[in-house]
């Protein structure tokens, strides 16, 4: 798991990547307009089409 260092006009800050709501691995997909996020494996198991999910960074 990596911490991300971001810079803005107000200063630098660290944030943790989102975690999968099922297995707690780093998430790469999320349901649009929702806080639910999924790793690759759990997204493939839960959804027949990954097109319904947003890819997050």
C-alpha atoms as a PDB file:
ATOM      1  CA  UNK A   1       0.000   0.000   0.000  1.00  0.00           C
ATOM      2  CA  UNK A   2       1.439   3.361  -0.965  1.00  0.00           C
ATOM      3  CA  UNK A   3       0.834   6.777   0.490  1.00  0.00           C
ATOM      4  CA  UNK A   4       0.345   9.548  -2.013  1.00  0.00           C
ATOM      5  CA  UNK A   5       1.876  12.981  -1.531  1.00  0.00           C
ATOM      6  CA  UNK A   6      -0.165  15.711  -3.157  1.00  0.00           C
ATOM      7  CA  UNK A   7       0.571  19.386  -3.416  1.00  0.00           C
ATOM      8  CA  UNK A   8      -1.940  22.180  -3.636  1.00  0.00           C
ATOM      9  CA  UNK A   9      -1.950  25.934  -3.185  1.00  0.00           C
ATOM     10  CA  UNK A  10      -2.728  25.353   0.492  1.00  0.00           C
ATOM     11  CA  UNK A  11       0.278  23.034   0.997  1.00  0.00           C
ATOM     12  CA  UNK A  12       1.224  19.384   0.669  1.00  0.00           C
ATOM     13  CA  UNK A  13      -0.763  16.563   2.207  1.00  0.00           C
ATOM     14  CA  UNK A  14      -0.745  12.758   2.350  1.00  0.00           C
ATOM     15  CA  UNK A  15      -3.720  10.549   1.628  1.00  0.00           C
ATOM     16  CA  UNK A  16      -4.345   6.826   1.677  1.00  0.00           C
ATOM     17  CA  UNK A  17      -5.624   5.124  -1.465  1.00  0.00           C
ATOM     18  CA  UNK A  18      -9.192   3.823  -1.361  1.00  0.00           C
ATOM     19  CA  UNK A  19      -9.667   0.230  -0.247  1.00  0.00           C
ATOM     20  CA  UNK A  20     -11.941  -2.473  -1.590  1.00  0.00           C
ATOM     21  CA  UNK A  21     -15.082  -2.786   0.549  1.00  0.00           C
ATOM     22  CA  UNK A  22     -14.903  -6.594   0.303  1.00  0.00           C
ATOM     23  CA  UNK A  23     -11.252  -7.584   0.806  1.00  0.00           C
ATOM     24  CA  UNK A  24      -9.520  -4.286   1.786  1.00  0.00           C
ATOM     25  CA  UNK A  25      -7.037  -4.454  -1.124  1.00  0.00           C
ATOM     26  CA  UNK A  26      -6.263  -1.216  -2.966  1.00  0.00           C
ATOM     27  CA  UNK A  27      -9.340  -0.260  -4.983  1.00  0.00           C
ATOM     28  CA  UNK A  28      -9.248   0.623  -8.660  1.00  0.00           C
ATOM     29  CA  UNK A  29     -12.997   0.760  -9.369  1.00  0.00           C
ATOM     30  CA  UNK A  30     -15.886   2.595  -7.714  1.00  0.00           C
ATOM     31  CA  UNK A  31     -19.622   2.792  -8.209  1.00  0.00           C
ATOM     32  CA  UNK A  32     -20.505   6.172  -9.714  1.00  0.00           C
ATOM     33  CA  UNK A  33     -21.639   8.712  -7.090  1.00  0.00           C
ATOM     34  CA  UNK A  34     -20.984   6.241  -4.268  1.00  0.00           C
ATOM     35  CA  UNK A  35     -18.296   5.608  -1.677  1.00  0.00           C
ATOM     36  CA  UNK A  36     -18.238   1.882  -2.524  1.00  0.00           C
ATOM     37  CA  UNK A  37     -14.974   0.847  -4.167  1.00  0.00           C
ATOM     38  CA  UNK A  38     -13.540  -2.472  -5.386  1.00  0.00           C
ATOM     39  CA  UNK A  39     -10.242  -4.075  -6.340  1.00  0.00           C
ATOM     40  CA  UNK A  40      -9.939  -5.701  -9.784  1.00  0.00           C
ATOM     41  CA  UNK A  41     -10.717  -9.231  -8.567  1.00  0.00           C
ATOM     42  CA  UNK A  42     -13.757  -8.316  -6.464  1.00  0.00           C
ATOM     43  CA  UNK A  43     -15.139  -6.021  -9.184  1.00  0.00           C
ATOM     44  CA  UNK A  44     -14.972  -8.872 -11.710  1.00  0.00           C
ATOM     45  CA  UNK A  45     -16.712 -11.218  -9.255  1.00  0.00           C
ATOM     46  CA  UNK A  46     -19.468  -8.754  -8.315  1.00  0.00           C
ATOM     47  CA  UNK A  47     -20.269  -7.131 -11.672  1.00  0.00           C
ATOM     48  CA  UNK A  48     -20.862  -8.776 -15.039  1.00  0.00           C
ATOM     49  CA  UNK A  49     -19.842  -5.547 -16.833  1.00  0.00           C
ATOM     50  CA  UNK A  50     -17.054  -3.374 -15.455  1.00  0.00           C
ATOM     51  CA  UNK A  51     -18.325  -0.548 -17.678  1.00  0.00           C
ATOM     52  CA  UNK A  52     -20.858   0.314 -14.960  1.00  0.00           C
ATOM     53  CA  UNK A  53     -17.960   1.266 -12.662  1.00  0.00           C
ATOM     54  CA  UNK A  54     -15.642   4.267 -12.669  1.00  0.00           C
ATOM     55  CA  UNK A  55     -11.913   3.634 -12.752  1.00  0.00           C
ATOM     56  CA  UNK A  56     -10.242   5.525  -9.904  1.00  0.00           C
ATOM     57  CA  UNK A  57      -6.609   6.445  -9.507  1.00  0.00           C
END
